Amino acid sequence: MKLIAIFIHEMGHASSAWLTGGSVDKIEVYQNEGGVTNFRGGWKPAIIPAGYVGVAFWGGVFVALSGSQIGATVAAGIFVLALLVCLRYVEC
């Protein structure tokens, strides 16, 4: 579960980089419960704190959607989609 949280944290940085016009070179998630997102461009004042904001946002979404079977299925689908989108960038 901790590695999933780290992945979501790094996805926050990557998403913010993409949204502010930057590009992501790679996302690394380490077994020692650390990670790093290598990006170029974008607006750094938004990208730097985006990991923590992203974890809080997606944690809230997953909790809100976990109240029903349909919601939990939607949340799982969103998570799988995020994994597939980032498959190109993630290095474990």
PDB file of N, CA and C in Angstrom:
ATOM      1  N   MET A   1       0.821  -1.195   0.000  1.00  0.00           N
ATOM      2  CA  MET A   1       0.000   0.000   0.000  1.00  0.00           C
ATOM      3  C   MET A   1       0.866   1.260   0.000  1.00  0.00           C
ATOM      4  N   LYS A   2       1.995   1.192   0.682  1.00  0.00           N
ATOM      5  CA  LYS A   2       2.863   2.371   0.739  1.00  0.00           C
ATOM      6  C   LYS A   2       3.404   2.721  -0.648  1.00  0.00           C
ATOM      7  N   LEU A   3       3.754   1.710  -1.439  1.00  0.00           N
ATOM      8  CA  LEU A   3       4.257   1.984  -2.784  1.00  0.00           C
ATOM      9  C   LEU A   3       3.177   2.589  -3.677  1.00  0.00           C
ATOM     10  N   ILE A   4       1.920   2.196  -3.463  1.00  0.00           N
ATOM     11  CA  ILE A   4       0.812   2.799  -4.206  1.00  0.00           C
ATOM     12  C   ILE A   4       0.676   4.271  -3.824  1.00  0.00           C
ATOM     13  N   ALA A   5       0.807   4.567  -2.541  1.00  0.00           N
ATOM     14  CA  ALA A   5       0.739   5.961  -2.090  1.00  0.00           C
ATOM     15  C   ALA A   5       1.883   6.777  -2.690  1.00  0.00           C
ATOM     16  N   ILE A   6       3.057   6.188  -2.776  1.00  0.00           N
ATOM     17  CA  ILE A   6       4.194   6.892  -3.374  1.00  0.00           C
ATOM     18  C   ILE A   6       3.942   7.116  -4.860  1.00  0.00           C
ATOM     19  N   PHE A   7       3.386   6.120  -5.535  1.00  0.00           N
ATOM     20  CA  PHE A   7       3.049   6.274  -6.950  1.00  0.00           C
ATOM     21  C   PHE A   7       2.061   7.423  -7.146  1.00  0.00           C
ATOM     22  N   ILE A   8       1.034   7.487  -6.308  1.00  0.00           N
ATOM     23  CA  ILE A   8       0.037   8.552  -6.420  1.00  0.00           C
ATOM     24  C   ILE A   8       0.678   9.907  -6.128  1.00  0.00           C
ATOM     25  N   HIS A   9       1.585   9.953  -5.158  1.00  0.00           N
ATOM     26  CA  HIS A   9       2.316  11.188  -4.853  1.00  0.00           C
ATOM     27  C   HIS A   9       3.105  11.659  -6.080  1.00  0.00           C
ATOM     28  N   GLU A  10       3.841  10.760  -6.693  1.00  0.00           N
ATOM     29  CA  GLU A  10       4.641  11.115  -7.864  1.00  0.00           C
ATOM     30  C   GLU A  10       3.743  11.464  -9.051  1.00  0.00           C
ATOM     31  N   MET A  11       2.584  10.825  -9.157  1.00  0.00           N
ATOM     32  CA  MET A  11       1.630  11.164 -10.207  1.00  0.00           C
ATOM     33  C   MET A  11       1.110  12.587 -10.028  1.00  0.00           C
ATOM     34  N   GLY A  12       1.014  13.055  -8.784  1.00  0.00           N
ATOM     35  CA  GLY A  12       0.626  14.444  -8.545  1.00  0.00           C
ATOM     36  C   GLY A  12       1.623  15.407  -9.155  1.00  0.00           C
ATOM     37  N   HIS A  13       2.915  15.116  -8.977  1.00  0.00           N
ATOM     38  CA  HIS A  13       3.947  15.947  -9.593  1.00  0.00           C
ATOM     39  C   HIS A  13       3.859  15.882 -11.116  1.00  0.00           C
ATOM     40  N   ALA A  14       3.714  14.673 -11.648  1.00  0.00           N
ATOM     41  CA  ALA A  14       3.665  14.495 -13.101  1.00  0.00           C
ATOM     42  C   ALA A  14       2.441  15.190 -13.696  1.00  0.00           C
ATOM     43  N   SER A  15       1.294  15.029 -13.068  1.00  0.00           N
ATOM     44  CA  SER A  15       0.065  15.660 -13.574  1.00  0.00           C
ATOM     45  C   SER A  15       0.199  17.175 -13.579  1.00  0.00           C
ATOM     46  N   SER A  16       0.766  17.707 -12.520  1.00  0.00           N
ATOM     47  CA  SER A  16       0.956  19.155 -12.447  1.00  0.00           C
ATOM     48  C   SER A  16       1.933  19.638 -13.511  1.00  0.00           C
ATOM     49  N   ALA A  17       2.970  18.862 -13.754  1.00  0.00           N
ATOM     50  CA  ALA A  17       3.919  19.234 -14.806  1.00  0.00           C
ATOM     51  C   ALA A  17       3.223  19.258 -16.156  1.00  0.00           C
ATOM     52  N   TRP A  18       2.422  18.246 -16.448  1.00  0.00           N
ATOM     53  CA  TRP A  18       1.700  18.198 -17.722  1.00  0.00           C
ATOM     54  C   TRP A  18       0.707  19.353 -17.830  1.00  0.00           C
ATOM     55  N   LEU A  19      -0.019  19.636 -16.744  1.00  0.00           N
ATOM     56  CA  LEU A  19      -1.034  20.686 -16.775  1.00  0.00           C
ATOM     57  C   LEU A  19      -0.448  22.087 -16.915  1.00  0.00           C
ATOM     58  N   THR A  20       0.795  22.272 -16.487  1.00  0.00           N
ATOM     59  CA  THR A  20       1.417  23.593 -16.580  1.00  0.00           C
ATOM     60  C   THR A  20       2.351  23.715 -17.781  1.00  0.00           C
ATOM     61  N   GLY A  21       2.258  22.771 -18.710  1.00  0.00           N
ATOM     62  CA  GLY A  21       3.009  22.872 -19.952  1.00  0.00           C
ATOM     63  C   GLY A  21       4.367  22.218 -19.953  1.00  0.00           C
ATOM     64  N   GLY A  22       4.704  21.486 -18.924  1.00  0.00           N
ATOM     65  CA  GLY A  22       5.983  20.798 -18.872  1.00  0.00           C
ATOM     66  C   GLY A  22       5.883  19.396 -19.448  1.00  0.00           C
ATOM     67  N   SER A  23       6.991  18.675 -19.415  1.00  0.00           N
ATOM     68  CA  SER A  23       7.009  17.287 -19.861  1.00  0.00           C
ATOM     69  C   SER A  23       7.677  16.435 -18.793  1.00  0.00           C
ATOM     70  N   VAL A  24       7.274  15.183 -18.744  1.00  0.00           N
ATOM     71  CA  VAL A  24       7.803  14.246 -17.750  1.00  0.00           C
ATOM     72  C   VAL A  24       8.743  13.281 -18.444  1.00  0.00           C
ATOM     73  N   ASP A  25       9.974  13.193 -17.951  1.00  0.00           N
ATOM     74  CA  ASP A  25      10.943  12.258 -18.508  1.00  0.00           C
ATOM     75  C   ASP A  25      10.716  10.856 -17.952  1.00  0.00           C
ATOM     76  N   LYS A  26      10.608  10.760 -16.623  1.00  0.00           N
ATOM     77  CA  LYS A  26      10.345   9.461 -16.006  1.00  0.00           C
ATOM     78  C   LYS A  26       9.893   9.638 -14.573  1.00  0.00           C
ATOM     79  N   ILE A  27       9.225   8.610 -14.086  1.00  0.00           N
ATOM     80  CA  ILE A  27       8.789   8.543 -12.698  1.00  0.00           C
ATOM     81  C   ILE A  27       9.449   7.310 -12.096  1.00  0.00           C
ATOM     82  N   GLU A  28      10.129   7.485 -10.990  1.00  0.00           N
ATOM     83  CA  GLU A  28      10.794   6.368 -10.321  1.00  0.00           C
ATOM     84  C   GLU A  28      10.151   6.139  -8.961  1.00  0.00           C
ATOM     85  N   VAL A  29       9.806   4.886  -8.677  1.00  0.00           N
ATOM     86  CA  VAL A  29       9.286   4.479  -7.373  1.00  0.00           C
ATOM     87  C   VAL A  29      10.241   3.420  -6.835  1.00  0.00           C
ATOM     88  N   TYR A  30      10.814   3.691  -5.672  1.00  0.00           N
ATOM     89  CA  TYR A  30      11.831   2.811  -5.110  1.00  0.00           C
ATOM     90  C   TYR A  30      11.241   1.872  -4.062  1.00  0.00           C
ATOM     91  N   GLN A  31      11.873   0.718  -3.902  1.00  0.00           N
ATOM     92  CA  GLN A  31      11.418  -0.256  -2.905  1.00  0.00           C
ATOM     93  C   GLN A  31      11.608   0.242  -1.480  1.00  0.00           C
ATOM     94  N   ASN A  32      12.508   1.185  -1.271  1.00  0.00           N
ATOM     95  CA  ASN A  32      12.731   1.711   0.075  1.00  0.00           C
ATOM     96  C   ASN A  32      11.739   2.823   0.424  1.00  0.00           C
ATOM     97  N   GLU A  33      10.609   2.845  -0.292  1.00  0.00           N
ATOM     98  CA  GLU A  33       9.499   3.774  -0.038  1.00  0.00           C
ATOM     99  C   GLU A  33       9.860   5.216  -0.355  1.00  0.00           C
ATOM    100  N   GLY A  34      10.550   5.408  -1.450  1.00  0.00           N
ATOM    101  CA  GLY A  34      10.865   6.740  -1.950  1.00  0.00           C
ATOM    102  C   GLY A  34      10.550   6.812  -3.431  1.00  0.00           C
ATOM    103  N   GLY A  35      10.624   7.991  -3.971  1.00  0.00           N
ATOM    104  CA  GLY A  35      10.373   8.148  -5.396  1.00  0.00           C
ATOM    105  C   GLY A  35      10.796   9.517  -5.874  1.00  0.00           C
ATOM    106  N   VAL A  36      10.861   9.663  -7.187  1.00  0.00           N
ATOM    107  CA  VAL A  36      11.234  10.931  -7.796  1.00  0.00           C
ATOM    108  C   VAL A  36      10.578  11.019  -9.170  1.00  0.00           C
ATOM    109  N   THR A  37      10.179  12.232  -9.537  1.00  0.00           N
ATOM    110  CA  THR A  37       9.629  12.501 -10.863  1.00  0.00           C
ATOM    111  C   THR A  37      10.560  13.473 -11.564  1.00  0.00           C
ATOM    112  N   ASN A  38      11.096  13.055 -12.689  1.00  0.00           N
ATOM    113  CA  ASN A  38      11.976  13.920 -13.476  1.00  0.00           C
ATOM    114  C   ASN A  38      11.147  14.607 -14.547  1.00  0.00           C
ATOM    115  N   PHE A  39      11.138  15.941 -14.518  1.00  0.00           N
ATOM    116  CA  PHE A  39      10.340  16.704 -15.458  1.00  0.00           C
ATOM    117  C   PHE A  39      11.151  17.874 -15.992  1.00  0.00           C
ATOM    118  N   ARG A  40      10.677  18.422 -17.111  1.00  0.00           N
ATOM    119  CA  ARG A  40      11.270  19.612 -17.702  1.00  0.00           C
ATOM    120  C   ARG A  40      10.167  20.612 -17.977  1.00  0.00           C
ATOM    121  N   GLY A  41      10.442  21.869 -17.723  1.00  0.00           N
ATOM    122  CA  GLY A  41       9.478  22.921 -17.990  1.00  0.00           C
ATOM    123  C   GLY A  41       8.366  22.943 -16.951  1.00  0.00           C
ATOM    124  N   GLY A  42       7.287  23.596 -17.300  1.00  0.00           N
ATOM    125  CA  GLY A  42       6.171  23.710 -16.373  1.00  0.00           C
ATOM    126  C   GLY A  42       6.395  24.825 -15.363  1.00  0.00           C
ATOM    127  N   TRP A  43       5.438  24.992 -14.489  1.00  0.00           N
ATOM    128  CA  TRP A  43       5.502  26.038 -13.470  1.00  0.00           C
ATOM    129  C   TRP A  43       5.863  25.408 -12.142  1.00  0.00           C
ATOM    130  N   LYS A  44       7.111  25.529 -11.737  1.00  0.00           N
ATOM    131  CA  LYS A  44       7.639  24.841 -10.560  1.00  0.00           C
ATOM    132  C   LYS A  44       6.903  25.159  -9.262  1.00  0.00           C
ATOM    133  N   PRO A  45       6.419  26.394  -9.033  1.00  0.00           N
ATOM    134  CA  PRO A  45       5.661  26.635  -7.797  1.00  0.00           C
ATOM    135  C   PRO A  45       4.387  25.786  -7.687  1.00  0.00           C
ATOM    136  N   ALA A  46       3.865  25.310  -8.802  1.00  0.00           N
ATOM    137  CA  ALA A  46       2.694  24.425  -8.760  1.00  0.00           C
ATOM    138  C   ALA A  46       3.108  22.960  -8.731  1.00  0.00           C
ATOM    139  N   ILE A  47       4.231  22.629  -9.350  1.00  0.00           N
ATOM    140  CA  ILE A  47       4.651  21.229  -9.466  1.00  0.00           C
ATOM    141  C   ILE A  47       5.216  20.697  -8.148  1.00  0.00           C
ATOM    142  N   ILE A  48       5.996  21.495  -7.451  1.00  0.00           N
ATOM    143  CA  ILE A  48       6.668  21.033  -6.230  1.00  0.00           C
ATOM    144  C   ILE A  48       5.671  20.556  -5.171  1.00  0.00           C
ATOM    145  N   PRO A  49       4.644  21.329  -4.797  1.00  0.00           N
ATOM    146  CA  PRO A  49       3.720  20.845  -3.758  1.00  0.00           C
ATOM    147  C   PRO A  49       2.628  19.911  -4.286  1.00  0.00           C
ATOM    148  N   ALA A  50       2.596  19.669  -5.582  1.00  0.00           N
ATOM    149  CA  ALA A  50       1.491  18.899  -6.167  1.00  0.00           C
ATOM    150  C   ALA A  50       1.463  17.443  -5.706  1.00  0.00           C
ATOM    151  N   GLY A  51       2.575  16.899  -5.255  1.00  0.00           N
ATOM    152  CA  GLY A  51       2.570  15.514  -4.781  1.00  0.00           C
ATOM    153  C   GLY A  51       1.674  15.350  -3.576  1.00  0.00           C
ATOM    154  N   TYR A  52       1.791  16.237  -2.609  1.00  0.00           N
ATOM    155  CA  TYR A  52       0.979  16.145  -1.398  1.00  0.00           C
ATOM    156  C   TYR A  52      -0.485  16.480  -1.680  1.00  0.00           C
ATOM    157  N   VAL A  53      -0.705  17.471  -2.531  1.00  0.00           N
ATOM    158  CA  VAL A  53      -2.070  17.832  -2.906  1.00  0.00           C
ATOM    159  C   VAL A  53      -2.722  16.686  -3.669  1.00  0.00           C
ATOM    160  N   GLY A  54      -1.954  16.051  -4.549  1.00  0.00           N
ATOM    161  CA  GLY A  54      -2.480  14.923  -5.322  1.00  0.00           C
ATOM    162  C   GLY A  54      -2.866  13.741  -4.447  1.00  0.00           C
ATOM    163  N   VAL A  55      -2.038  13.422  -3.458  1.00  0.00           N
ATOM    164  CA  VAL A  55      -2.362  12.321  -2.546  1.00  0.00           C
ATOM    165  C   VAL A  55      -3.633  12.631  -1.770  1.00  0.00           C
ATOM    166  N   ALA A  56      -3.770  13.856  -1.286  1.00  0.00           N
ATOM    167  CA  ALA A  56      -4.974  14.235  -0.549  1.00  0.00           C
ATOM    168  C   ALA A  56      -6.205  14.181  -1.446  1.00  0.00           C
ATOM    169  N   PHE A  57      -6.081  14.692  -2.667  1.00  0.00           N
ATOM    170  CA  PHE A  57      -7.212  14.690  -3.600  1.00  0.00           C
ATOM    171  C   PHE A  57      -7.640  13.275  -3.951  1.00  0.00           C
ATOM    172  N   TRP A  58      -6.688  12.453  -4.398  1.00  0.00           N
ATOM    173  CA  TRP A  58      -7.058  11.095  -4.816  1.00  0.00           C
ATOM    174  C   TRP A  58      -7.473  10.229  -3.639  1.00  0.00           C
ATOM    175  N   GLY A  59      -6.896  10.456  -2.471  1.00  0.00           N
ATOM    176  CA  GLY A  59      -7.364   9.740  -1.278  1.00  0.00           C
ATOM    177  C   GLY A  59      -8.817  10.059  -0.994  1.00  0.00           C
ATOM    178  N   GLY A  60      -9.180  11.338  -1.095  1.00  0.00           N
ATOM    179  CA  GLY A  60     -10.575  11.739  -0.903  1.00  0.00           C
ATOM    180  C   GLY A  60     -11.495  11.141  -1.943  1.00  0.00           C
ATOM    181  N   VAL A  61     -11.050  11.120  -3.199  1.00  0.00           N
ATOM    182  CA  VAL A  61     -11.867  10.518  -4.267  1.00  0.00           C
ATOM    183  C   VAL A  61     -12.088   9.029  -3.999  1.00  0.00           C
ATOM    184  N   PHE A  62     -11.025   8.322  -3.645  1.00  0.00           N
ATOM    185  CA  PHE A  62     -11.149   6.885  -3.400  1.00  0.00           C
ATOM    186  C   PHE A  62     -12.038   6.592  -2.195  1.00  0.00           C
ATOM    187  N   VAL A  63     -11.929   7.385  -1.148  1.00  0.00           N
ATOM    188  CA  VAL A  63     -12.798   7.195   0.022  1.00  0.00           C
ATOM    189  C   VAL A  63     -14.249   7.490  -0.336  1.00  0.00           C
ATOM    190  N   ALA A  64     -14.488   8.573  -1.068  1.00  0.00           N
ATOM    191  CA  ALA A  64     -15.857   8.932  -1.454  1.00  0.00           C
ATOM    192  C   ALA A  64     -16.481   7.867  -2.344  1.00  0.00           C
ATOM    193  N   LEU A  65     -15.707   7.311  -3.239  1.00  0.00           N
ATOM    194  CA  LEU A  65     -16.239   6.325  -4.171  1.00  0.00           C
ATOM    195  C   LEU A  65     -16.340   4.924  -3.587  1.00  0.00           C
ATOM    196  N   SER A  66     -15.707   4.681  -2.457  1.00  0.00           N
ATOM    197  CA  SER A  66     -15.703   3.328  -1.902  1.00  0.00           C
ATOM    198  C   SER A  66     -16.983   2.971  -1.156  1.00  0.00           C
ATOM    199  N   GLY A  67     -17.957   3.878  -1.119  1.00  0.00           N
ATOM    200  CA  GLY A  67     -19.201   3.611  -0.398  1.00  0.00           C
ATOM    201  C   GLY A  67     -20.145   2.666  -1.101  1.00  0.00           C
ATOM    202  N   SER A  68     -19.962   2.460  -2.393  1.00  0.00           N
ATOM    203  CA  SER A  68     -20.834   1.547  -3.130  1.00  0.00           C
ATOM    204  C   SER A  68     -19.984   0.698  -4.066  1.00  0.00           C
ATOM    205  N   GLN A  69     -20.575  -0.365  -4.551  1.00  0.00           N
ATOM    206  CA  GLN A  69     -19.840  -1.258  -5.445  1.00  0.00           C
ATOM    207  C   GLN A  69     -19.531  -0.564  -6.771  1.00  0.00           C
ATOM    208  N   ILE A  70     -20.467   0.208  -7.277  1.00  0.00           N
ATOM    209  CA  ILE A  70     -20.234   0.926  -8.531  1.00  0.00           C
ATOM    210  C   ILE A  70     -19.141   1.977  -8.343  1.00  0.00           C
ATOM    211  N   GLY A  71     -19.201   2.704  -7.246  1.00  0.00           N
ATOM    212  CA  GLY A  71     -18.179   3.709  -6.972  1.00  0.00           C
ATOM    213  C   GLY A  71     -16.798   3.110  -6.817  1.00  0.00           C
ATOM    214  N   ALA A  72     -16.729   1.978  -6.119  1.00  0.00           N
ATOM    215  CA  ALA A  72     -15.446   1.305  -5.937  1.00  0.00           C
ATOM    216  C   ALA A  72     -14.905   0.812  -7.275  1.00  0.00           C
ATOM    217  N   THR A  73     -15.787   0.348  -8.146  1.00  0.00           N
ATOM    218  CA  THR A  73     -15.369  -0.092  -9.476  1.00  0.00           C
ATOM    219  C   THR A  73     -14.853   1.084 -10.297  1.00  0.00           C
ATOM    220  N   VAL A  74     -15.522   2.225 -10.195  1.00  0.00           N
ATOM    221  CA  VAL A  74     -15.066   3.434 -10.894  1.00  0.00           C
ATOM    222  C   VAL A  74     -13.702   3.859 -10.357  1.00  0.00           C
ATOM    223  N   ALA A  75     -13.527   3.852  -9.041  1.00  0.00           N
ATOM    224  CA  ALA A  75     -12.250   4.241  -8.438  1.00  0.00           C
ATOM    225  C   ALA A  75     -11.133   3.306  -8.889  1.00  0.00           C
ATOM    226  N   ALA A  76     -11.421   2.006  -8.917  1.00  0.00           N
ATOM    227  CA  ALA A  76     -10.416   1.043  -9.383  1.00  0.00           C
ATOM    228  C   ALA A  76     -10.083   1.281 -10.854  1.00  0.00           C
ATOM    229  N   GLY A  77     -11.095   1.602 -11.651  1.00  0.00           N
ATOM    230  CA  GLY A  77     -10.861   1.892 -13.061  1.00  0.00           C
ATOM    231  C   GLY A  77      -9.994   3.117 -13.254  1.00  0.00           C
ATOM    232  N   ILE A  78     -10.238   4.157 -12.472  1.00  0.00           N
ATOM    233  CA  ILE A  78      -9.425   5.378 -12.540  1.00  0.00           C
ATOM    234  C   ILE A  78      -7.979   5.060 -12.185  1.00  0.00           C
ATOM    235  N   PHE A  79      -7.796   4.251 -11.138  1.00  0.00           N
ATOM    236  CA  PHE A  79      -6.445   3.902 -10.703  1.00  0.00           C
ATOM    237  C   PHE A  79      -5.723   3.083 -11.772  1.00  0.00           C
ATOM    238  N   VAL A  80      -6.407   2.113 -12.362  1.00  0.00           N
ATOM    239  CA  VAL A  80      -5.798   1.295 -13.416  1.00  0.00           C
ATOM    240  C   VAL A  80      -5.456   2.168 -14.625  1.00  0.00           C
ATOM    241  N   LEU A  81      -6.322   3.097 -14.973  1.00  0.00           N
ATOM    242  CA  LEU A  81      -6.047   4.010 -16.081  1.00  0.00           C
ATOM    243  C   LEU A  81      -4.796   4.845 -15.797  1.00  0.00           C
ATOM    244  N   ALA A  82      -4.663   5.343 -14.568  1.00  0.00           N
ATOM    245  CA  ALA A  82      -3.466   6.111 -14.203  1.00  0.00           C
ATOM    246  C   ALA A  82      -2.210   5.254 -14.313  1.00  0.00           C
ATOM    247  N   LEU A  83      -2.303   4.001 -13.888  1.00  0.00           N
ATOM    248  CA  LEU A  83      -1.154   3.106 -14.011  1.00  0.00           C
ATOM    249  C   LEU A  83      -0.792   2.872 -15.475  1.00  0.00           C
ATOM    250  N   LEU A  84      -1.794   2.689 -16.314  1.00  0.00           N
ATOM    251  CA  LEU A  84      -1.529   2.452 -17.734  1.00  0.00           C
ATOM    252  C   LEU A  84      -0.943   3.670 -18.424  1.00  0.00           C
ATOM    253  N   VAL A  85      -1.462   4.863 -18.088  1.00  0.00           N
ATOM    254  CA  VAL A  85      -0.940   6.090 -18.679  1.00  0.00           C
ATOM    255  C   VAL A  85       0.523   6.290 -18.296  1.00  0.00           C
ATOM    256  N   CYS A  86       0.854   5.972 -17.069  1.00  0.00           N
ATOM    257  CA  CYS A  86       2.213   6.211 -16.579  1.00  0.00           C
ATOM    258  C   CYS A  86       3.154   5.044 -16.820  1.00  0.00           C
ATOM    259  N   LEU A  87       2.657   3.976 -17.372  1.00  0.00           N
ATOM    260  CA  LEU A  87       3.517   2.805 -17.608  1.00  0.00           C
ATOM    261  C   LEU A  87       4.750   3.186 -18.434  1.00  0.00           C
ATOM    262  N   ARG A  88       4.568   4.144 -19.301  1.00  0.00           N
ATOM    263  CA  ARG A  88       5.682   4.602 -20.135  1.00  0.00           C
ATOM    264  C   ARG A  88       6.744   5.342 -19.316  1.00  0.00           C
ATOM    265  N   TYR A  89       6.333   5.976 -18.230  1.00  0.00           N
ATOM    266  CA  TYR A  89       7.235   6.850 -17.484  1.00  0.00           C
ATOM    267  C   TYR A  89       7.785   6.233 -16.210  1.00  0.00           C
ATOM    268  N   VAL A  90       7.184   5.170 -15.699  1.00  0.00           N
ATOM    269  CA  VAL A  90       7.550   4.638 -14.382  1.00  0.00           C
ATOM    270  C   VAL A  90       8.737   3.705 -14.503  1.00  0.00           C
ATOM    271  N   GLU A  91       9.674   3.869 -13.569  1.00  0.00           N
ATOM    272  CA  GLU A  91      10.827   2.992 -13.472  1.00  0.00           C
ATOM    273  C   GLU A  91      10.888   2.495 -12.040  1.00  0.00           C
ATOM    274  N   CYS A  92      10.686   1.198 -11.840  1.00  0.00           N
ATOM    275  CA  CYS A  92      10.693   0.628 -10.479  1.00  0.00           C
ATOM    276  C   CYS A  92      12.014  -0.044 -10.191  1.00  0.00           C
TER     277      CYS A  92
END
